[in-house]
Amino acid sequence: MQDLYDNVFTLRRPRLLIQAARIGLGEYNRCRVLKKLSKSSITPAPHNAVQALLPVEESLEDARRSGDASYSPSRHVEVFTALLAEARHLAQSQLVS
């Protein structure tokens, strides 16, 4: 699980994206956001959420870098916020264990 945490916090992303995601952490509602992003009625565990969100964020980053017209900055911020929040939740759960 430490590998997932490391994968998230070693990502190199634009400063504006990181700042927007950090601001979004204050309003983050994991049940609502994860259900929306996973299109499921079940909220996944932090470990599963991070595993699911990493490839989604990576594809958004690829679209951003390539200048793809379908790229959505707001979706990228939403996914990156969820990724940060779930990685933090994962790290906290490891400390408690």
Foldseek 3Di string as FASTA:
>chain_A
DVVLLCVLVVDDDDPVLVVLLVVCLVVDDQQVLQCVVVVHNDRDQLVVLSVVLVVVLVVLVVCVVVVPPPRDSVVNSSSSSNNVNSSVVVVVVVVVD
